[in-house]
Amino acid sequence: MDYEQWIRRERRIRTKILRDSRELRGSGLCRICGDCHEFCLCHEEICPNCGGANILLQRVENLVTELAGAERIRGKHRFDQLG
């Protein structure tokens, strides 16, 4: 599977998980990589995009708009580790 095909599927899954998160909707806080600004899921200890461990809790003002563009879901490090 090539990156473009994989990331489309990955973005759909990750976007749904983030949008459906009660914690995120309630607090407005999201786990975001401090280095590359990738959205991270609650169980991820390293960034799926850059592989860094600088994951911070930050407020996301308009999550729906941020997720619609999907520019902050790239997962390049995770993809590279698959193959």
Protein backbone atom coordinates (compact mmCIF):
# COMPACT_ATOMS: atom_id res chain seq x y z
CA MET A 1 0.00 0.00 0.00
CA ASP A 2 1.37 3.43 -0.85
CA TYR A 3 1.37 6.39 1.54
CA GLU A 4 -1.46 8.31 -0.15
CA GLN A 5 -3.83 5.36 0.03
CA TRP A 6 -2.82 4.54 3.58
CA ILE A 7 -3.09 8.11 4.91
CA ARG A 8 -6.62 8.57 3.50
CA ARG A 9 -7.77 5.54 5.50
CA GLU A 10 -5.76 6.57 8.55
CA ARG A 11 -7.20 10.11 8.49
CA ARG A 12 -10.78 8.76 8.36
CA ILE A 13 -10.15 6.52 11.37
CA ARG A 14 -8.22 9.06 13.46
CA THR A 15 -10.66 11.86 12.68
CA LYS A 16 -13.59 9.74 13.83
CA ILE A 17 -11.81 8.76 17.04
CA LEU A 18 -10.95 12.38 17.84
CA ARG A 19 -14.41 13.70 16.93
CA ASP A 20 -16.13 11.05 19.07
CA SER A 21 -13.93 11.61 22.13
CA ARG A 22 -16.03 12.71 25.12
CA GLU A 23 -12.95 14.02 26.89
CA LEU A 24 -11.96 16.19 23.96
CA ARG A 25 -15.47 17.57 23.44
CA GLY A 26 -15.85 18.26 27.15
CA SER A 27 -12.53 19.96 27.82
CA GLY A 28 -11.49 21.20 24.38
CA LEU A 29 -8.02 19.89 25.14
CA CYS A 30 -6.24 17.66 22.66
CA ARG A 31 -2.89 15.86 22.68
CA ILE A 32 -0.72 17.58 20.08
CA CYS A 33 2.94 17.11 19.20
CA GLY A 34 4.88 20.15 20.34
CA ASP A 35 7.36 19.71 17.49
CA CYS A 36 5.24 19.14 14.35
CA HIS A 37 1.70 19.90 15.67
CA GLU A 38 0.31 16.47 14.74
CA PHE A 39 -2.89 15.39 16.52
CA CYS A 40 -2.08 12.41 18.77
CA LEU A 41 -4.45 9.84 20.22
CA CYS A 42 -4.67 9.25 23.97
CA HIS A 43 -2.57 6.06 23.94
CA GLU A 44 0.28 7.36 21.78
CA GLU A 45 3.52 8.05 23.62
CA ILE A 46 5.42 9.14 20.52
CA CYS A 47 4.20 11.31 17.68
CA PRO A 48 2.96 9.26 14.69
CA ASN A 49 4.31 11.92 12.33
CA CYS A 50 7.79 12.88 13.57
CA GLY A 51 8.51 10.19 16.18
CA GLY A 52 9.10 12.76 18.91
CA ALA A 53 7.97 12.44 22.50
CA ASN A 54 7.08 16.12 23.00
CA ILE A 55 3.31 15.58 23.21
CA LEU A 56 1.42 18.38 24.94
CA LEU A 57 -2.15 18.98 26.01
CA GLN A 58 -3.44 22.02 24.11
CA ARG A 59 -6.79 23.68 23.60
CA VAL A 60 -8.24 23.33 20.10
CA GLU A 61 -10.73 26.11 19.44
CA ASN A 62 -12.57 24.59 16.49
CA LEU A 63 -11.84 20.87 16.34
CA VAL A 64 -14.30 20.18 13.52
CA THR A 65 -12.61 22.72 11.24
CA GLU A 66 -9.13 21.50 12.19
CA LEU A 67 -10.07 17.89 11.47
CA ALA A 68 -11.84 18.68 8.21
CA GLY A 69 -8.61 19.85 6.62
CA ALA A 70 -6.68 16.87 8.03
CA GLU A 71 -3.38 18.72 7.56
CA ARG A 72 -2.49 17.87 11.15
CA ILE A 73 -2.86 14.13 10.58
CA ARG A 74 0.11 12.99 8.50
CA GLY A 75 1.45 9.91 10.30
CA LYS A 76 4.65 9.74 8.26
CA HIS A 77 6.75 8.15 11.03
CA ARG A 78 4.09 5.53 11.69
CA PHE A 79 3.83 4.70 7.97
CA ASP A 80 7.60 4.36 7.64
CA GLN A 81 7.68 1.96 10.60
CA LEU A 82 5.13 -0.34 8.90
CA GLY A 83 7.31 -1.21 6.02
